[in-house]
Amino acid sequence: MIPFQQKWYYTPEMRGSYSIKYVLPAVFPELSYNDLPIKERGTASNIFLSMVNGTFDGDVKEIRRQLLELC
């Protein structure tokens, strides 16, 4: 994080951010989140919480795979 935060490496595709959400696709476009079924970390957190507290109603095995793919 430090090289990006300190702007030792910067590209406009990072949109002024040093978060993984912007750095990863800027440095490695082939590793973008765009093709993932779950793209947003907030969504992932909410789904995970519902799985932990037992309120999730869906395919646990598939969603677990998708969450792991995001992480």
PDB file of N, CA and C in Angstrom:
ATOM      1  N   MET A   1       0.814  -1.183   0.000  1.00  0.00           N
ATOM      2  CA  MET A   1       0.000   0.000   0.000  1.00  0.00           C
ATOM      3  C   MET A   1       0.867   1.259   0.000  1.00  0.00           C
ATOM      4  N   ILE A   2       1.984   1.237   0.663  1.00  0.00           N
ATOM      5  CA  ILE A   2       2.804   2.440   0.801  1.00  0.00           C
ATOM      6  C   ILE A   2       3.260   3.005  -0.543  1.00  0.00           C
ATOM      7  N   PRO A   3       3.748   2.188  -1.493  1.00  0.00           N
ATOM      8  CA  PRO A   3       4.164   2.779  -2.779  1.00  0.00           C
ATOM      9  C   PRO A   3       3.041   3.524  -3.496  1.00  0.00           C
ATOM     10  N   PHE A   4       1.816   3.050  -3.334  1.00  0.00           N
ATOM     11  CA  PHE A   4       0.682   3.704  -3.989  1.00  0.00           C
ATOM     12  C   PHE A   4       0.224   4.915  -3.178  1.00  0.00           C
ATOM     13  N   GLN A   5       0.188   4.772  -1.867  1.00  0.00           N
ATOM     14  CA  GLN A   5      -0.234   5.865  -0.988  1.00  0.00           C
ATOM     15  C   GLN A   5       0.736   7.042  -1.090  1.00  0.00           C
ATOM     16  N   GLN A   6       2.025   6.755  -1.167  1.00  0.00           N
ATOM     17  CA  GLN A   6       3.034   7.805  -1.266  1.00  0.00           C
ATOM     18  C   GLN A   6       3.234   8.305  -2.697  1.00  0.00           C
ATOM     19  N   LYS A   7       2.474   7.713  -3.624  1.00  0.00           N
ATOM     20  CA  LYS A   7       2.520   8.067  -5.039  1.00  0.00           C
ATOM     21  C   LYS A   7       3.888   7.784  -5.679  1.00  0.00           C
ATOM     22  N   TRP A   8       4.583   6.762  -5.152  1.00  0.00           N
ATOM     23  CA  TRP A   8       5.809   6.322  -5.803  1.00  0.00           C
ATOM     24  C   TRP A   8       5.457   5.678  -7.133  1.00  0.00           C
ATOM     25  N   TYR A   9       4.280   5.091  -7.171  1.00  0.00           N
ATOM     26  CA  TYR A   9       3.733   4.568  -8.426  1.00  0.00           C
ATOM     27  C   TYR A   9       2.322   5.103  -8.548  1.00  0.00           C
ATOM     28  N   TYR A  10       2.047   5.722  -9.678  1.00  0.00           N
ATOM     29  CA  TYR A  10       0.702   6.253  -9.903  1.00  0.00           C
ATOM     30  C   TYR A  10       0.369   6.189 -11.385  1.00  0.00           C
ATOM     31  N   THR A  11      -0.874   5.877 -11.664  1.00  0.00           N
ATOM     32  CA  THR A  11      -1.405   5.919 -13.011  1.00  0.00           C
ATOM     33  C   THR A  11      -2.821   6.489 -12.917  1.00  0.00           C
ATOM     34  N   PRO A  12      -3.264   7.251 -13.900  1.00  0.00           N
ATOM     35  CA  PRO A  12      -4.596   7.866 -13.832  1.00  0.00           C
ATOM     36  C   PRO A  12      -5.734   6.863 -13.616  1.00  0.00           C
ATOM     37  N   GLU A  13      -5.538   5.615 -14.038  1.00  0.00           N
ATOM     38  CA  GLU A  13      -6.571   4.609 -13.854  1.00  0.00           C
ATOM     39  C   GLU A  13      -6.845   4.317 -12.374  1.00  0.00           C
ATOM     40  N   MET A  14      -5.935   4.730 -11.500  1.00  0.00           N
ATOM     41  CA  MET A  14      -6.128   4.537 -10.061  1.00  0.00           C
ATOM     42  C   MET A  14      -7.097   5.566  -9.480  1.00  0.00           C
ATOM     43  N   ARG A  15      -7.470   6.555 -10.275  1.00  0.00           N
ATOM     44  CA  ARG A  15      -8.464   7.566  -9.894  1.00  0.00           C
ATOM     45  C   ARG A  15      -8.150   8.264  -8.577  1.00  0.00           C
ATOM     46  N   GLY A  16      -6.869   8.483  -8.313  1.00  0.00           N
ATOM     47  CA  GLY A  16      -6.481   9.182  -7.089  1.00  0.00           C
ATOM     48  C   GLY A  16      -6.575   8.346  -5.832  1.00  0.00           C
ATOM     49  N   SER A  17      -6.839   7.056  -5.962  1.00  0.00           N
ATOM     50  CA  SER A  17      -7.014   6.184  -4.808  1.00  0.00           C
ATOM     51  C   SER A  17      -5.880   5.174  -4.736  1.00  0.00           C
ATOM     52  N   TYR A  18      -5.594   4.691  -3.544  1.00  0.00           N
ATOM     53  CA  TYR A  18      -4.620   3.611  -3.396  1.00  0.00           C
ATOM     54  C   TYR A  18      -5.280   2.346  -2.849  1.00  0.00           C
ATOM     55  N   SER A  19      -6.610   2.277  -2.930  1.00  0.00           N
ATOM     56  CA  SER A  19      -7.311   1.066  -2.488  1.00  0.00           C
ATOM     57  C   SER A  19      -7.144  -0.033  -3.535  1.00  0.00           C
ATOM     58  N   ILE A  20      -7.232  -1.267  -3.089  1.00  0.00           N
ATOM     59  CA  ILE A  20      -7.083  -2.417  -3.981  1.00  0.00           C
ATOM     60  C   ILE A  20      -8.121  -2.388  -5.099  1.00  0.00           C
ATOM     61  N   LYS A  21      -9.284  -1.828  -4.823  1.00  0.00           N
ATOM     62  CA  LYS A  21     -10.363  -1.760  -5.809  1.00  0.00           C
ATOM     63  C   LYS A  21      -9.922  -0.990  -7.059  1.00  0.00           C
ATOM     64  N   TYR A  22      -9.072   0.018  -6.891  1.00  0.00           N
ATOM     65  CA  TYR A  22      -8.617   0.817  -8.027  1.00  0.00           C
ATOM     66  C   TYR A  22      -7.207   0.451  -8.487  1.00  0.00           C
ATOM     67  N   VAL A  23      -6.348   0.069  -7.550  1.00  0.00           N
ATOM     68  CA  VAL A  23      -4.965  -0.252  -7.913  1.00  0.00           C
ATOM     69  C   VAL A  23      -4.884  -1.536  -8.729  1.00  0.00           C
ATOM     70  N   LEU A  24      -5.588  -2.579  -8.301  1.00  0.00           N
ATOM     71  CA  LEU A  24      -5.496  -3.870  -8.996  1.00  0.00           C
ATOM     72  C   LEU A  24      -5.821  -3.768 -10.482  1.00  0.00           C
ATOM     73  N   PRO A  25      -6.986  -3.234 -10.873  1.00  0.00           N
ATOM     74  CA  PRO A  25      -7.268  -3.172 -12.309  1.00  0.00           C
ATOM     75  C   PRO A  25      -6.373  -2.186 -13.057  1.00  0.00           C
ATOM     76  N   ALA A  26      -5.823  -1.184 -12.357  1.00  0.00           N
ATOM     77  CA  ALA A  26      -4.930  -0.237 -13.014  1.00  0.00           C
ATOM     78  C   ALA A  26      -3.586  -0.879 -13.337  1.00  0.00           C
ATOM     79  N   VAL A  27      -3.101  -1.716 -12.447  1.00  0.00           N
ATOM     80  CA  VAL A  27      -1.793  -2.352 -12.622  1.00  0.00           C
ATOM     81  C   VAL A  27      -1.911  -3.668 -13.391  1.00  0.00           C
ATOM     82  N   PHE A  28      -2.975  -4.422 -13.101  1.00  0.00           N
ATOM     83  CA  PHE A  28      -3.205  -5.719 -13.742  1.00  0.00           C
ATOM     84  C   PHE A  28      -4.628  -5.766 -14.298  1.00  0.00           C
ATOM     85  N   PRO A  29      -4.884  -5.171 -15.458  1.00  0.00           N
ATOM     86  CA  PRO A  29      -6.252  -5.107 -15.990  1.00  0.00           C
ATOM     87  C   PRO A  29      -6.915  -6.472 -16.163  1.00  0.00           C
ATOM     88  N   GLU A  30      -6.140  -7.498 -16.365  1.00  0.00           N
ATOM     89  CA  GLU A  30      -6.716  -8.832 -16.542  1.00  0.00           C
ATOM     90  C   GLU A  30      -7.267  -9.407 -15.235  1.00  0.00           C
ATOM     91  N   LEU A  31      -6.981  -8.754 -14.101  1.00  0.00           N
ATOM     92  CA  LEU A  31      -7.462  -9.216 -12.800  1.00  0.00           C
ATOM     93  C   LEU A  31      -8.584  -8.336 -12.253  1.00  0.00           C
ATOM     94  N   SER A  32      -9.347  -7.735 -13.106  1.00  0.00           N
ATOM     95  CA  SER A  32     -10.421  -6.834 -12.709  1.00  0.00           C
ATOM     96  C   SER A  32     -11.540  -7.564 -11.966  1.00  0.00           C
ATOM     97  N   TYR A  33     -12.249  -6.817 -11.135  1.00  0.00           N
ATOM     98  CA  TYR A  33     -13.412  -7.339 -10.424  1.00  0.00           C
ATOM     99  C   TYR A  33     -14.663  -7.344 -11.305  1.00  0.00           C
ATOM    100  N   ASN A  34     -14.608  -6.732 -12.461  1.00  0.00           N
ATOM    101  CA  ASN A  34     -15.804  -6.512 -13.286  1.00  0.00           C
ATOM    102  C   ASN A  34     -16.538  -7.782 -13.683  1.00  0.00           C
ATOM    103  N   ASP A  35     -15.837  -8.882 -13.836  1.00  0.00           N
ATOM    104  CA  ASP A  35     -16.479 -10.118 -14.281  1.00  0.00           C
ATOM    105  C   ASP A  35     -16.944 -11.019 -13.136  1.00  0.00           C
ATOM    106  N   LEU A  36     -16.738 -10.586 -11.906  1.00  0.00           N
ATOM    107  CA  LEU A  36     -17.130 -11.410 -10.766  1.00  0.00           C
ATOM    108  C   LEU A  36     -18.619 -11.249 -10.458  1.00  0.00           C
ATOM    109  N   PRO A  37     -19.265 -12.320 -10.022  1.00  0.00           N
ATOM    110  CA  PRO A  37     -20.683 -12.216  -9.663  1.00  0.00           C
ATOM    111  C   PRO A  37     -20.918 -11.262  -8.488  1.00  0.00           C
ATOM    112  N   ILE A  38     -20.014 -11.293  -7.498  1.00  0.00           N
ATOM    113  CA  ILE A  38     -20.073 -10.357  -6.371  1.00  0.00           C
ATOM    114  C   ILE A  38     -18.882  -9.422  -6.535  1.00  0.00           C
ATOM    115  N   LYS A  39     -19.150  -8.141  -6.796  1.00  0.00           N
ATOM    116  CA  LYS A  39     -18.091  -7.167  -7.086  1.00  0.00           C
ATOM    117  C   LYS A  39     -17.805  -6.232  -5.919  1.00  0.00           C
ATOM    118  N   GLU A  40     -18.824  -5.945  -5.140  1.00  0.00           N
ATOM    119  CA  GLU A  40     -18.729  -4.935  -4.092  1.00  0.00           C
ATOM    120  C   GLU A  40     -18.394  -5.565  -2.742  1.00  0.00           C
ATOM    121  N   ARG A  41     -17.439  -4.996  -2.065  1.00  0.00           N
ATOM    122  CA  ARG A  41     -17.042  -5.517  -0.751  1.00  0.00           C
ATOM    123  C   ARG A  41     -18.150  -5.336   0.277  1.00  0.00           C
ATOM    124  N   GLY A  42     -18.926  -4.261   0.164  1.00  0.00           N
ATOM    125  CA  GLY A  42     -20.042  -4.059   1.079  1.00  0.00           C
ATOM    126  C   GLY A  42     -21.081  -5.150   0.926  1.00  0.00           C
ATOM    127  N   THR A  43     -21.377  -5.495  -0.309  1.00  0.00           N
ATOM    128  CA  THR A  43     -22.312  -6.582  -0.589  1.00  0.00           C
ATOM    129  C   THR A  43     -21.768  -7.892  -0.035  1.00  0.00           C
ATOM    130  N   ALA A  44     -20.487  -8.127  -0.266  1.00  0.00           N
ATOM    131  CA  ALA A  44     -19.855  -9.352   0.233  1.00  0.00           C
ATOM    132  C   ALA A  44     -19.940  -9.416   1.752  1.00  0.00           C
ATOM    133  N   SER A  45     -19.697  -8.307   2.426  1.00  0.00           N
ATOM    134  CA  SER A  45     -19.767  -8.273   3.886  1.00  0.00           C
ATOM    135  C   SER A  45     -21.168  -8.582   4.383  1.00  0.00           C
ATOM    136  N   ASN A  46     -22.164  -8.012   3.727  1.00  0.00           N
ATOM    137  CA  ASN A  46     -23.548  -8.260   4.130  1.00  0.00           C
ATOM    138  C   ASN A  46     -23.951  -9.718   3.920  1.00  0.00           C
ATOM    139  N   ILE A  47     -23.536 -10.281   2.799  1.00  0.00           N
ATOM    140  CA  ILE A  47     -23.843 -11.691   2.532  1.00  0.00           C
ATOM    141  C   ILE A  47     -23.161 -12.581   3.564  1.00  0.00           C
ATOM    142  N   PHE A  48     -21.890 -12.294   3.823  1.00  0.00           N
ATOM    143  CA  PHE A  48     -21.147 -13.089   4.799  1.00  0.00           C
ATOM    144  C   PHE A  48     -21.804 -13.009   6.175  1.00  0.00           C
ATOM    145  N   LEU A  49     -22.200 -11.814   6.591  1.00  0.00           N
ATOM    146  CA  LEU A  49     -22.858 -11.646   7.875  1.00  0.00           C
ATOM    147  C   LEU A  49     -24.143 -12.469   7.948  1.00  0.00           C
ATOM    148  N   SER A  50     -24.923 -12.443   6.877  1.00  0.00           N
ATOM    149  CA  SER A  50     -26.162 -13.228   6.880  1.00  0.00           C
ATOM    150  C   SER A  50     -25.872 -14.723   6.936  1.00  0.00           C
ATOM    151  N   MET A  51     -24.766 -15.144   6.349  1.00  0.00           N
ATOM    152  CA  MET A  51     -24.389 -16.558   6.424  1.00  0.00           C
ATOM    153  C   MET A  51     -23.974 -16.922   7.848  1.00  0.00           C
ATOM    154  N   VAL A  52     -23.246 -16.037   8.496  1.00  0.00           N
ATOM    155  CA  VAL A  52     -22.765 -16.289   9.858  1.00  0.00           C
ATOM    156  C   VAL A  52     -23.915 -16.314  10.856  1.00  0.00           C
ATOM    157  N   ASN A  53     -24.863 -15.370  10.701  1.00  0.00           N
ATOM    158  CA  ASN A  53     -25.941 -15.312  11.695  1.00  0.00           C
ATOM    159  C   ASN A  53     -27.137 -16.207  11.349  1.00  0.00           C
ATOM    160  N   GLY A  54     -27.011 -16.977  10.259  1.00  0.00           N
ATOM    161  CA  GLY A  54     -28.019 -17.972   9.933  1.00  0.00           C
ATOM    162  C   GLY A  54     -29.247 -17.465   9.204  1.00  0.00           C
ATOM    163  N   THR A  55     -29.175 -16.253   8.651  1.00  0.00           N
ATOM    164  CA  THR A  55     -30.334 -15.718   7.935  1.00  0.00           C
ATOM    165  C   THR A  55     -30.187 -15.798   6.418  1.00  0.00           C
ATOM    166  N   PHE A  56     -29.091 -16.344   5.946  1.00  0.00           N
ATOM    167  CA  PHE A  56     -28.876 -16.462   4.502  1.00  0.00           C
ATOM    168  C   PHE A  56     -29.777 -17.523   3.917  1.00  0.00           C
ATOM    169  N   ASP A  57     -30.434 -17.177   2.817  1.00  0.00           N
ATOM    170  CA  ASP A  57     -31.327 -18.117   2.140  1.00  0.00           C
ATOM    171  C   ASP A  57     -30.858 -18.239   0.697  1.00  0.00           C
ATOM    172  N   GLY A  58     -29.991 -19.184   0.448  1.00  0.00           N
ATOM    173  CA  GLY A  58     -29.469 -19.355  -0.899  1.00  0.00           C
ATOM    174  C   GLY A  58     -28.507 -20.521  -0.952  1.00  0.00           C
ATOM    175  N   ASP A  59     -27.784 -20.609  -2.042  1.00  0.00           N
ATOM    176  CA  ASP A  59     -26.826 -21.691  -2.264  1.00  0.00           C
ATOM    177  C   ASP A  59     -25.512 -21.351  -1.548  1.00  0.00           C
ATOM    178  N   VAL A  60     -25.365 -21.852  -0.345  1.00  0.00           N
ATOM    179  CA  VAL A  60     -24.208 -21.534   0.489  1.00  0.00           C
ATOM    180  C   VAL A  60     -22.900 -21.914  -0.202  1.00  0.00           C
ATOM    181  N   LYS A  61     -22.855 -23.080  -0.794  1.00  0.00           N
ATOM    182  CA  LYS A  61     -21.629 -23.551  -1.446  1.00  0.00           C
ATOM    183  C   LYS A  61     -21.218 -22.615  -2.588  1.00  0.00           C
ATOM    184  N   GLU A  62     -22.172 -22.203  -3.413  1.00  0.00           N
ATOM    185  CA  GLU A  62     -21.874 -21.318  -4.544  1.00  0.00           C
ATOM    186  C   GLU A  62     -21.488 -19.920  -4.072  1.00  0.00           C
ATOM    187  N   ILE A  63     -22.210 -19.386  -3.127  1.00  0.00           N
ATOM    188  CA  ILE A  63     -21.902 -18.043  -2.626  1.00  0.00           C
ATOM    189  C   ILE A  63     -20.553 -18.031  -1.920  1.00  0.00           C
ATOM    190  N   ARG A  64     -20.250 -19.091  -1.197  1.00  0.00           N
ATOM    191  CA  ARG A  64     -18.932 -19.191  -0.550  1.00  0.00           C
ATOM    192  C   ARG A  64     -17.836 -19.162  -1.608  1.00  0.00           C
ATOM    193  N   ARG A  65     -18.037 -19.875  -2.701  1.00  0.00           N
ATOM    194  CA  ARG A  65     -17.048 -19.874  -3.785  1.00  0.00           C
ATOM    195  C   ARG A  65     -16.875 -18.466  -4.348  1.00  0.00           C
ATOM    196  N   GLN A  66     -18.005 -17.768  -4.547  1.00  0.00           N
ATOM    197  CA  GLN A  66     -17.951 -16.407  -5.095  1.00  0.00           C
ATOM    198  C   GLN A  66     -17.265 -15.445  -4.138  1.00  0.00           C
ATOM    199  N   LEU A  67     -17.519 -15.595  -2.847  1.00  0.00           N
ATOM    200  CA  LEU A  67     -16.849 -14.740  -1.874  1.00  0.00           C
ATOM    201  C   LEU A  67     -15.352 -14.989  -1.859  1.00  0.00           C
ATOM    202  N   LEU A  68     -14.954 -16.232  -1.922  1.00  0.00           N
ATOM    203  CA  LEU A  68     -13.528 -16.554  -1.971  1.00  0.00           C
ATOM    204  C   LEU A  68     -12.875 -16.013  -3.231  1.00  0.00           C
ATOM    205  N   GLU A  69     -13.592 -16.043  -4.327  1.00  0.00           N
ATOM    206  CA  GLU A  69     -13.066 -15.515  -5.574  1.00  0.00           C
ATOM    207  C   GLU A  69     -12.833 -14.001  -5.463  1.00  0.00           C
ATOM    208  N   LEU A  70     -13.734 -13.302  -4.802  1.00  0.00           N
ATOM    209  CA  LEU A  70     -13.589 -11.869  -4.609  1.00  0.00           C
ATOM    210  C   LEU A  70     -12.391 -11.555  -3.733  1.00  0.00           C
ATOM    211  N   CYS A  71     -12.226 -12.348  -2.679  1.00  0.00           N
ATOM    212  CA  CYS A  71     -11.136 -12.093  -1.726  1.00  0.00           C
ATOM    213  C   CYS A  71      -9.800 -12.580  -2.268  1.00  0.00           C
TER     214      CYS A  71
END
